[in-house]
Amino acid sequence: IAEYKAHIRALRSIYNAYAPIHLKLPPEMLMEIFGYALPDGPTIRSLRVLRVCSTWRGLLYRTPRFWANVAGAYRIFRDPSLRVLHELQVALRRSVHEVFSLRLYGFHSALTTVLLPHQPRMTSLDVGLEPRHVVELENFLLDADLLCLAELRITFVWHSAINYPRLPPPPHLPCLTTLHIARAHLVPGFIPPSLKHLDLTSCVCERCRRYDEPDQLLQALQEC
């Protein structure tokens, strides 16, 4: 049976190698096309394009832009499983030098370890924050080298009296152009020179509930 299966795999490989698309399009063009492909599922296991044939699978493994898209398609929730964290780590590693964006629901401490080797390539970070994850996100923002981060969005998903994470000083975010933040937390001295779009929202933390410092907001806006 094993011998028959080996013959079947060999015949399928030959058939796929001589498919019209492989004869007419060079591998480099297929890889360019794959770089614009968006994942059809939230996990690597659900990527049907990887199961088309061994030729496509081999080319996809060599297309960093595709894996950056895969990483951006993940929706990491409050307590991600080890499998999800591993798959995100694999996608980021295969994305090599490509920039990527992330959308998170919560910021589990395990994410810091996964993102640490790739943080300079992150261009967009959207975090729906919970009270128990404030410290983890704050530590990540203050310690990370977010040299390419162009968009930062922080919102709360729970209504509770919690503290908003401190934001890093402008030198840590040299490329930040878009910021979505609660108005009470826009403080003087934070505005990076690169900022072009500012979205101020309400907040549910204790500071915002007693917010009565419009002068601070005006001073911060004058720095824009």
Protein backbone atom coordinates (compact mmCIF):
# COMPACT_ATOMS: atom_id res chain seq x y z
CA ILE A 1 0.00 0.00 0.00
CA ALA A 2 2.81 2.40 0.85
CA GLU A 3 4.39 1.76 -2.56
CA TYR A 4 1.11 2.52 -4.37
CA LYS A 5 0.68 5.72 -2.38
CA ALA A 6 4.21 6.78 -3.35
CA HIS A 7 3.38 6.22 -7.03
CA ILE A 8 0.18 8.23 -6.70
CA ARG A 9 2.06 11.13 -5.11
CA ALA A 10 4.66 11.02 -7.90
CA LEU A 11 1.97 11.08 -10.61
CA ARG A 12 0.20 13.99 -8.93
CA SER A 13 3.46 15.90 -8.72
CA ILE A 14 4.10 15.41 -12.44
CA TYR A 15 0.52 16.39 -13.28
CA ASN A 16 0.77 19.59 -11.21
CA ALA A 17 4.17 20.48 -12.66
CA TYR A 18 2.71 20.49 -16.18
CA ALA A 19 -0.45 22.41 -15.33
CA PRO A 20 -0.95 25.30 -17.81
CA ILE A 21 -0.55 27.98 -15.13
CA HIS A 22 2.89 26.62 -14.22
CA LEU A 23 3.99 26.46 -17.85
CA LYS A 24 2.84 30.01 -18.73
CA LEU A 25 3.72 31.90 -15.56
CA PRO A 26 7.24 31.89 -14.10
CA PRO A 27 7.57 31.20 -10.35
CA GLU A 28 8.52 34.83 -9.68
CA MET A 29 5.20 36.05 -11.12
CA LEU A 30 3.22 33.55 -9.09
CA MET A 31 5.02 34.69 -5.94
CA GLU A 32 4.16 38.30 -6.78
CA ILE A 33 0.49 37.32 -7.12
CA PHE A 34 0.58 35.40 -3.85
CA GLY A 35 1.91 38.53 -2.16
CA TYR A 36 -1.47 40.19 -2.79
CA ALA A 37 -3.52 37.21 -1.65
CA LEU A 38 -5.56 37.60 1.52
CA PRO A 39 -5.99 34.58 3.82
CA ASP A 40 -9.31 32.76 3.57
CA GLY A 41 -9.28 31.79 7.24
CA PRO A 42 -8.07 32.93 10.65
CA THR A 43 -5.45 30.19 11.09
CA ILE A 44 -2.69 28.56 9.06
CA ARG A 45 -4.61 25.28 9.11
CA SER A 46 -7.51 26.91 7.28
CA LEU A 47 -5.36 28.25 4.40
CA ARG A 48 -6.75 26.23 1.51
CA VAL A 49 -4.25 27.75 -0.92
CA LEU A 50 -1.51 25.75 0.82
CA ARG A 51 -3.28 22.54 -0.19
CA VAL A 52 -3.61 23.23 -3.92
CA CYS A 53 -0.37 21.49 -4.86
CA SER A 54 3.23 21.07 -3.71
CA THR A 55 4.43 23.66 -6.25
CA TRP A 56 2.18 26.37 -4.84
CA ARG A 57 2.97 25.36 -1.30
CA GLY A 58 6.70 25.65 -1.97
CA LEU A 59 6.26 29.09 -3.57
CA LEU A 60 4.03 30.32 -0.76
CA TYR A 61 6.65 29.36 1.80
CA ARG A 62 9.04 31.62 -0.11
CA THR A 63 6.65 34.61 -0.30
CA PRO A 64 7.16 36.81 2.81
CA ARG A 65 4.38 39.27 1.87
CA PHE A 66 1.81 36.45 1.94
CA TRP A 67 2.82 35.52 5.49
CA ALA A 68 2.69 39.15 6.60
CA ASN A 69 -0.93 39.13 5.38
CA VAL A 70 -1.54 35.91 7.31
CA ALA A 71 -0.18 37.49 10.50
CA GLY A 72 -2.41 40.54 10.00
CA ALA A 73 -5.48 38.34 9.55
CA TYR A 74 -5.14 36.77 13.00
CA ARG A 75 -7.60 37.96 15.62
CA ILE A 76 -5.87 37.39 18.94
CA PHE A 77 -8.38 37.32 21.78
CA ARG A 78 -8.08 37.63 25.55
CA ASP A 79 -6.31 34.36 26.33
CA PRO A 80 -4.86 32.95 23.11
CA SER A 81 -4.10 29.25 23.01
CA LEU A 82 -0.56 27.96 22.59
CA ARG A 83 -1.50 26.78 19.09
CA VAL A 84 -2.63 30.27 18.02
CA LEU A 85 0.49 31.86 19.47
CA HIS A 86 2.67 29.30 17.70
CA GLU A 87 0.93 29.86 14.37
CA LEU A 88 1.30 33.64 14.71
CA GLN A 89 4.96 33.15 15.50
CA VAL A 90 5.39 30.95 12.42
CA ALA A 91 3.64 33.50 10.18
CA LEU A 92 5.79 36.35 11.50
CA ARG A 93 8.98 34.33 11.06
CA ARG A 94 8.08 33.47 7.46
CA SER A 95 7.23 37.10 6.71
CA VAL A 96 11.00 37.77 7.08
CA HIS A 97 11.53 41.49 6.36
CA GLU A 98 7.98 42.51 5.41
CA VAL A 99 6.01 45.01 7.49
CA PHE A 100 2.77 43.86 9.12
CA SER A 101 -0.20 45.08 11.13
CA LEU A 102 -2.01 43.53 14.09
CA ARG A 103 -5.47 43.76 15.60
CA LEU A 104 -5.75 42.43 19.12
CA TYR A 105 -8.55 41.94 21.62
CA GLY A 106 -6.63 42.13 24.85
CA PHE A 107 -2.87 41.99 25.23
CA HIS A 108 -1.73 38.77 26.87
CA SER A 109 1.79 38.76 28.30
CA ALA A 110 2.72 35.85 26.02
CA LEU A 111 2.32 38.15 23.02
CA THR A 112 5.35 40.16 24.07
CA THR A 113 7.60 37.14 23.57
CA VAL A 114 6.08 36.41 20.16
CA LEU A 115 6.29 40.02 18.93
CA LEU A 116 9.69 40.90 20.38
CA PRO A 117 11.84 39.77 17.40
CA HIS A 118 9.51 41.45 14.88
CA GLN A 119 8.42 44.70 16.56
CA PRO A 120 10.50 47.04 14.33
CA ARG A 121 8.43 45.85 11.33
CA MET A 122 5.00 46.57 12.84
CA THR A 123 3.20 49.42 11.05
CA SER A 124 -0.23 49.32 12.72
CA LEU A 125 -1.43 48.20 16.15
CA ASP A 126 -5.12 48.15 17.11
CA VAL A 127 -5.80 46.97 20.66
CA GLY A 128 -9.14 46.49 22.38
CA LEU A 129 -7.97 46.60 25.98
CA GLU A 130 -9.18 44.89 29.14
CA PRO A 131 -8.29 45.97 32.70
CA ARG A 132 -5.99 43.00 33.33
CA HIS A 133 -3.91 43.66 30.23
CA VAL A 134 -3.10 47.34 30.79
CA VAL A 135 0.29 46.67 32.38
CA GLU A 136 1.33 44.21 29.67
CA LEU A 137 0.52 46.67 26.87
CA GLU A 138 2.18 49.55 28.72
CA ASN A 139 5.38 47.57 29.20
CA PHE A 140 5.39 46.55 25.55
CA LEU A 141 4.92 50.12 24.29
CA LEU A 142 7.60 51.52 26.58
CA ASP A 143 10.17 48.80 25.86
CA ALA A 144 9.54 48.04 22.18
CA ASP A 145 11.42 49.49 19.21
CA LEU A 146 8.39 50.48 17.16
CA LEU A 147 10.40 52.24 14.48
CA CYS A 148 7.85 51.67 11.69
CA LEU A 149 4.62 52.05 13.67
CA ALA A 150 2.43 54.49 11.72
CA GLU A 151 -0.95 53.86 13.38
CA LEU A 152 -1.80 53.23 17.03
CA ARG A 153 -5.36 52.65 18.24
CA ILE A 154 -6.22 51.90 21.87
CA THR A 155 -9.79 51.40 23.07
CA PHE A 156 -11.38 49.74 26.08
CA VAL A 157 -13.70 46.79 25.67
CA TRP A 158 -14.87 46.75 29.28
CA HIS A 159 -16.43 49.58 31.27
CA SER A 160 -14.51 49.74 34.52
CA ALA A 161 -12.41 52.17 36.50
CA ILE A 162 -8.96 51.35 35.22
CA ASN A 163 -5.83 53.23 34.32
CA TYR A 164 -4.95 53.97 30.72
CA PRO A 165 -1.56 52.65 29.59
CA ARG A 166 1.24 55.20 29.50
CA LEU A 167 2.41 56.04 26.01
CA PRO A 168 6.06 56.09 25.00
CA PRO A 169 7.83 59.41 24.36
CA PRO A 170 7.95 60.69 20.75
CA PRO A 171 11.49 59.38 19.99
CA HIS A 172 10.13 55.82 20.41
CA LEU A 173 7.51 56.39 17.68
CA PRO A 174 9.34 58.29 14.91
CA CYS A 175 6.88 57.27 12.15
CA LEU A 176 3.56 57.57 13.99
CA THR A 177 1.06 59.42 11.76
CA THR A 178 -2.32 58.25 13.12
CA LEU A 179 -3.35 58.08 16.77
CA HIS A 180 -6.69 56.99 18.26
CA ILE A 181 -6.70 57.76 21.97
CA ALA A 182 -8.90 58.99 24.83
CA ARG A 183 -8.71 62.78 25.08
CA ALA A 184 -7.72 62.86 28.75
CA HIS A 185 -4.60 60.88 27.98
CA LEU A 186 -3.28 63.15 25.29
CA VAL A 187 -0.70 64.94 27.42
CA PRO A 188 1.81 67.66 26.49
CA GLY A 189 5.17 66.28 25.49
CA PHE A 190 3.82 63.16 23.84
CA ILE A 191 2.87 64.43 20.38
CA PRO A 192 5.42 63.10 17.86
CA PRO A 193 6.36 65.48 15.01
CA SER A 194 5.20 62.93 12.43
CA LEU A 195 1.55 62.89 13.66
CA LYS A 196 -1.00 63.85 10.98
CA HIS A 197 -4.31 62.29 12.09
CA LEU A 198 -5.69 62.44 15.62
CA ASP A 199 -8.90 60.77 16.79
CA LEU A 200 -9.89 61.69 20.35
CA THR A 201 -12.51 59.57 22.11
CA SER A 202 -14.08 59.17 25.51
CA CYS A 203 -12.74 56.72 28.06
CA VAL A 204 -13.96 54.78 31.09
CA CYS A 205 -10.90 54.89 33.34
CA GLU A 206 -10.96 56.69 36.67
CA ARG A 207 -8.95 59.63 35.34
CA CYS A 208 -11.39 60.30 32.50
CA ARG A 209 -14.41 60.08 34.76
CA ARG A 210 -13.11 63.08 36.70
CA TYR A 211 -11.42 64.77 33.79
CA ASP A 212 -11.55 68.57 34.11
CA GLU A 213 -8.28 69.74 32.57
CA PRO A 214 -9.15 71.25 29.18
CA ASP A 215 -6.00 73.40 29.31
CA GLN A 216 -3.87 70.27 29.21
CA LEU A 217 -5.71 69.05 26.12
CA LEU A 218 -5.35 72.43 24.39
CA GLN A 219 -1.65 72.54 25.20
CA ALA A 220 -1.17 69.08 23.76
CA LEU A 221 -3.13 69.98 20.61
CA GLN A 222 -0.96 73.04 20.09
CA GLU A 223 1.99 70.69 19.70
CA CYS A 224 0.37 68.96 16.74
